[in-house]
Protein backbone atom coordinates (compact mmCIF):
# COMPACT_ATOMS: atom_id res chain seq x y z
CA UNK A 1 -0.04 -0.13 -0.09
CA UNK A 2 1.34 3.54 -0.93
CA UNK A 3 1.65 6.24 1.48
CA UNK A 4 -0.60 9.23 0.80
CA UNK A 5 1.79 12.14 0.18
CA UNK A 6 -0.47 14.95 1.50
CA UNK A 7 -0.67 13.10 4.72
CA UNK A 8 3.08 12.36 4.62
CA UNK A 9 3.77 16.11 4.72
CA UNK A 10 1.12 17.27 7.54
CA UNK A 11 1.41 14.44 10.08
CA UNK A 12 3.93 12.11 11.63
CA UNK A 13 3.86 9.30 13.75
CA UNK A 14 6.07 9.05 17.00
CA UNK A 15 7.96 6.41 18.30
CA UNK A 16 5.41 5.38 20.55
CA UNK A 17 2.62 5.54 18.02
CA UNK A 18 0.98 8.82 18.49
CA UNK A 19 -0.05 10.69 15.32
CA UNK A 20 1.02 14.30 15.49
CA UNK A 21 0.06 17.34 13.64
CA UNK A 22 1.09 21.15 13.60
CA UNK A 23 -1.27 23.90 14.70
CA UNK A 24 -3.00 25.99 12.18
CA UNK A 25 -2.92 29.94 11.90
CA UNK A 26 0.69 30.39 11.30
CA UNK A 27 1.02 30.31 7.60
CA UNK A 28 0.30 33.95 6.93
CA UNK A 29 -0.30 37.37 8.20
CA UNK A 30 2.11 36.90 10.70
CA UNK A 31 3.07 40.59 11.29
CA UNK A 32 -0.30 41.28 12.45
CA UNK A 33 -0.43 38.38 15.08
CA UNK A 34 0.94 39.02 18.73
CA UNK A 35 3.99 37.24 19.76
CA UNK A 36 2.21 35.25 22.25
CA UNK A 37 -0.45 34.39 19.47
CA UNK A 38 2.43 33.12 17.22
CA UNK A 39 4.20 31.18 19.97
CA UNK A 40 0.90 29.24 21.08
CA UNK A 41 0.62 27.97 17.46
CA UNK A 42 4.46 27.13 17.28
CA UNK A 43 4.23 23.38 18.92
CA UNK A 44 2.71 20.22 17.63
CA UNK A 45 -0.33 18.37 18.93
CA UNK A 46 -1.60 14.72 19.03
CA UNK A 47 -4.32 13.97 16.63
CA UNK A 48 -7.59 12.94 18.28
CA UNK A 49 -8.31 9.18 18.44
CA UNK A 50 -10.90 8.95 15.76
CA UNK A 51 -9.01 10.80 13.26
CA UNK A 52 -5.70 9.06 14.08
CA UNK A 53 -7.36 5.97 13.34
CA UNK A 54 -8.09 7.12 9.68
CA UNK A 55 -4.66 8.58 9.25
CA UNK A 56 -2.90 5.35 9.70
CA UNK A 57 -4.41 3.95 6.81
CA UNK A 58 -2.79 6.88 4.92
CA UNK A 59 0.32 6.41 6.67
CA UNK A 60 0.98 2.50 6.51
CA UNK A 61 4.57 2.31 6.87
CA UNK A 62 4.88 3.98 10.39
CA UNK A 63 6.63 7.22 10.18
CA UNK A 64 5.06 8.43 7.15
């Protein structure tokens, strides 16, 4: 089964099996955002359980 290339660019699977994603609202209009707002979206989050189940099918080879 082939890896879904769009999912590969947006998500990754950790060594413990969690599916991680980036936060939104950082890609444009950065000058107008407060420093704190930019810091809040700089990290990564774990994808919720129901979405992670579907994403594992798009990333069949583990690390994506």
